[in-house]
């Protein structure tokens, strides 16, 4: 088996946000511990992710991880059922105070 040739790879992703506050909140929520591979910042109301890796495969994994984190951050920012409204949400899930499951709480809202 031959060794995998390292070919540097880079990608920049831009996501329009409802406000500069949302862009800053999302950038802060997904800011990585290791900024060697991924950087997140807000440019006005645009979230900018810049990723770089030694190989395309590493870049793919980095972007998959970043997008999974972004998805969670978006749900937290918008709250359940708040698609597109934008705004901070309590970090306490509804089920923690009502005793119902998260799915039941989401259906009720």
C-alpha atoms as a PDB file:
ATOM      1  CA  UNK A   1       0.000   0.000   0.000  1.00  0.00           C
ATOM      2  CA  UNK A   2       1.465   3.335  -0.989  1.00  0.00           C
ATOM      3  CA  UNK A   3       1.444   6.269   1.438  1.00  0.00           C
ATOM      4  CA  UNK A   4      -1.161   8.951   0.940  1.00  0.00           C
ATOM      5  CA  UNK A   5       0.331  12.019  -0.653  1.00  0.00           C
ATOM      6  CA  UNK A   6      -0.290  15.135   1.365  1.00  0.00           C
ATOM      7  CA  UNK A   7      -1.860  17.844  -0.753  1.00  0.00           C
ATOM      8  CA  UNK A   8      -2.786  20.953   1.230  1.00  0.00           C
ATOM      9  CA  UNK A   9      -6.480  21.791   1.016  1.00  0.00           C
ATOM     10  CA  UNK A  10      -8.402  24.915   2.034  1.00  0.00           C
ATOM     11  CA  UNK A  11     -12.039  25.980   2.047  1.00  0.00           C
ATOM     12  CA  UNK A  12     -13.971  29.080   3.022  1.00  0.00           C
ATOM     13  CA  UNK A  13     -17.653  28.843   3.895  1.00  0.00           C
ATOM     14  CA  UNK A  14     -19.910  31.867   4.281  1.00  0.00           C
ATOM     15  CA  UNK A  15     -23.337  31.815   5.910  1.00  0.00           C
ATOM     16  CA  UNK A  16     -25.698  34.780   5.922  1.00  0.00           C
ATOM     17  CA  UNK A  17     -27.163  35.448   9.365  1.00  0.00           C
ATOM     18  CA  UNK A  18     -30.156  37.507  10.434  1.00  0.00           C
ATOM     19  CA  UNK A  19     -27.954  39.989  12.311  1.00  0.00           C
ATOM     20  CA  UNK A  20     -24.358  40.747  13.278  1.00  0.00           C
ATOM     21  CA  UNK A  21     -25.218  39.525  16.794  1.00  0.00           C
ATOM     22  CA  UNK A  22     -26.243  36.127  15.421  1.00  0.00           C
ATOM     23  CA  UNK A  23     -23.065  35.888  13.314  1.00  0.00           C
ATOM     24  CA  UNK A  24     -20.902  36.724  16.363  1.00  0.00           C
ATOM     25  CA  UNK A  25     -22.791  34.271  18.583  1.00  0.00           C
ATOM     26  CA  UNK A  26     -22.429  31.434  16.072  1.00  0.00           C
ATOM     27  CA  UNK A  27     -18.750  32.195  15.497  1.00  0.00           C
ATOM     28  CA  UNK A  28     -18.146  32.142  19.242  1.00  0.00           C
ATOM     29  CA  UNK A  29     -20.133  28.953  19.716  1.00  0.00           C
ATOM     30  CA  UNK A  30     -18.133  26.987  17.169  1.00  0.00           C
ATOM     31  CA  UNK A  31     -14.742  28.607  17.754  1.00  0.00           C
ATOM     32  CA  UNK A  32     -12.370  25.630  17.812  1.00  0.00           C
ATOM     33  CA  UNK A  33      -9.844  24.777  20.485  1.00  0.00           C
ATOM     34  CA  UNK A  34      -7.278  24.139  17.759  1.00  0.00           C
ATOM     35  CA  UNK A  35      -7.299  27.125  15.412  1.00  0.00           C
ATOM     36  CA  UNK A  36      -4.643  25.477  13.223  1.00  0.00           C
ATOM     37  CA  UNK A  37      -7.386  23.807  11.154  1.00  0.00           C
ATOM     38  CA  UNK A  38     -10.471  26.020  11.487  1.00  0.00           C
ATOM     39  CA  UNK A  39     -11.142  29.689  12.101  1.00  0.00           C
ATOM     40  CA  UNK A  40     -14.580  31.224  12.619  1.00  0.00           C
ATOM     41  CA  UNK A  41     -15.380  34.912  12.567  1.00  0.00           C
ATOM     42  CA  UNK A  42     -18.216  37.323  11.904  1.00  0.00           C
ATOM     43  CA  UNK A  43     -18.044  39.881   9.103  1.00  0.00           C
ATOM     44  CA  UNK A  44     -21.098  42.009   9.765  1.00  0.00           C
ATOM     45  CA  UNK A  45     -24.034  39.640   9.520  1.00  0.00           C
ATOM     46  CA  UNK A  46     -22.029  36.935   7.722  1.00  0.00           C
ATOM     47  CA  UNK A  47     -20.434  33.982   9.509  1.00  0.00           C
ATOM     48  CA  UNK A  48     -17.135  33.029   7.862  1.00  0.00           C
ATOM     49  CA  UNK A  49     -15.472  29.646   8.406  1.00  0.00           C
ATOM     50  CA  UNK A  50     -11.980  29.091   7.030  1.00  0.00           C
ATOM     51  CA  UNK A  51     -10.594  25.577   7.140  1.00  0.00           C
ATOM     52  CA  UNK A  52      -7.254  24.177   6.052  1.00  0.00           C
ATOM     53  CA  UNK A  53      -5.729  20.731   6.304  1.00  0.00           C
ATOM     54  CA  UNK A  54      -2.824  18.688   5.039  1.00  0.00           C
ATOM     55  CA  UNK A  55      -5.105  16.487   2.901  1.00  0.00           C
ATOM     56  CA  UNK A  56      -8.527  16.671   1.303  1.00  0.00           C
ATOM     57  CA  UNK A  57      -9.741  13.880   3.604  1.00  0.00           C
ATOM     58  CA  UNK A  58      -8.710  15.829   6.698  1.00  0.00           C
ATOM     59  CA  UNK A  59     -10.407  18.925   5.292  1.00  0.00           C
ATOM     60  CA  UNK A  60     -13.612  16.973   4.750  1.00  0.00           C
ATOM     61  CA  UNK A  61     -13.589  15.711   8.352  1.00  0.00           C
ATOM     62  CA  UNK A  62     -12.842  19.203   9.660  1.00  0.00           C
ATOM     63  CA  UNK A  63     -15.744  20.685   7.697  1.00  0.00           C
ATOM     64  CA  UNK A  64     -18.115  17.886   8.735  1.00  0.00           C
ATOM     65  CA  UNK A  65     -17.265  18.517  12.401  1.00  0.00           C
ATOM     66  CA  UNK A  66     -17.615  22.291  11.989  1.00  0.00           C
ATOM     67  CA  UNK A  67     -20.988  21.987  10.244  1.00  0.00           C
ATOM     68  CA  UNK A  68     -22.284  19.604  12.915  1.00  0.00           C
ATOM     69  CA  UNK A  69     -21.268  22.118  15.597  1.00  0.00           C
ATOM     70  CA  UNK A  70     -22.817  24.953  13.579  1.00  0.00           C
ATOM     71  CA  UNK A  71     -26.086  23.044  13.312  1.00  0.00           C
ATOM     72  CA  UNK A  72     -26.236  22.673  17.094  1.00  0.00           C
ATOM     73  CA  UNK A  73     -25.323  26.316  17.618  1.00  0.00           C
ATOM     74  CA  UNK A  74     -28.053  27.413  15.191  1.00  0.00           C
ATOM     75  CA  UNK A  75     -30.667  25.356  17.061  1.00  0.00           C
ATOM     76  CA  UNK A  76     -29.558  26.868  20.360  1.00  0.00           C
ATOM     77  CA  UNK A  77     -29.573  30.415  18.963  1.00  0.00           C
ATOM     78  CA  UNK A  78     -32.984  30.162  17.304  1.00  0.00           C
ATOM     79  CA  UNK A  79     -34.713  27.974  19.886  1.00  0.00           C
ATOM     80  CA  UNK A  80     -37.247  25.255  19.124  1.00  0.00           C
ATOM     81  CA  UNK A  81     -39.566  26.052  16.243  1.00  0.00           C
ATOM     82  CA  UNK A  82     -38.038  29.535  15.757  1.00  0.00           C
ATOM     83  CA  UNK A  83     -36.680  29.034  12.246  1.00  0.00           C
ATOM     84  CA  UNK A  84     -35.188  32.283  11.035  1.00  0.00           C
ATOM     85  CA  UNK A  85     -36.233  34.425  14.010  1.00  0.00           C
ATOM     86  CA  UNK A  86     -32.823  34.466  15.641  1.00  0.00           C
ATOM     87  CA  UNK A  87     -32.296  35.167  19.279  1.00  0.00           C
ATOM     88  CA  UNK A  88     -30.638  33.612  22.296  1.00  0.00           C
ATOM     89  CA  UNK A  89     -32.313  30.662  23.956  1.00  0.00           C
ATOM     90  CA  UNK A  90     -32.032  29.371  27.473  1.00  0.00           C
ATOM     91  CA  UNK A  91     -29.484  26.597  27.845  1.00  0.00           C
ATOM     92  CA  UNK A  92     -31.955  24.678  29.994  1.00  0.00           C
ATOM     93  CA  UNK A  93     -34.005  22.287  27.830  1.00  0.00           C
ATOM     94  CA  UNK A  94     -37.806  22.436  28.283  1.00  0.00           C
ATOM     95  CA  UNK A  95     -37.847  18.876  29.592  1.00  0.00           C
ATOM     96  CA  UNK A  96     -35.661  19.894  32.555  1.00  0.00           C
ATOM     97  CA  UNK A  97     -38.449  22.026  34.008  1.00  0.00           C
ATOM     98  CA  UNK A  98     -41.603  20.287  32.741  1.00  0.00           C
ATOM     99  CA  UNK A  99     -40.707  16.617  33.043  1.00  0.00           C
ATOM    100  CA  UNK A 100     -41.720  15.935  29.443  1.00  0.00           C
ATOM    101  CA  UNK A 101     -39.388  14.618  26.770  1.00  0.00           C
ATOM    102  CA  UNK A 102     -37.553  17.039  24.482  1.00  0.00           C
ATOM    103  CA  UNK A 103     -39.711  15.803  21.573  1.00  0.00           C
ATOM    104  CA  UNK A 104     -42.929  16.478  23.529  1.00  0.00           C
ATOM    105  CA  UNK A 105     -41.673  19.924  24.499  1.00  0.00           C
ATOM    106  CA  UNK A 106     -40.777  20.722  20.860  1.00  0.00           C
ATOM    107  CA  UNK A 107     -44.243  19.598  19.701  1.00  0.00           C
ATOM    108  CA  UNK A 108     -45.927  21.770  22.327  1.00  0.00           C
ATOM    109  CA  UNK A 109     -44.074  24.920  21.246  1.00  0.00           C
END
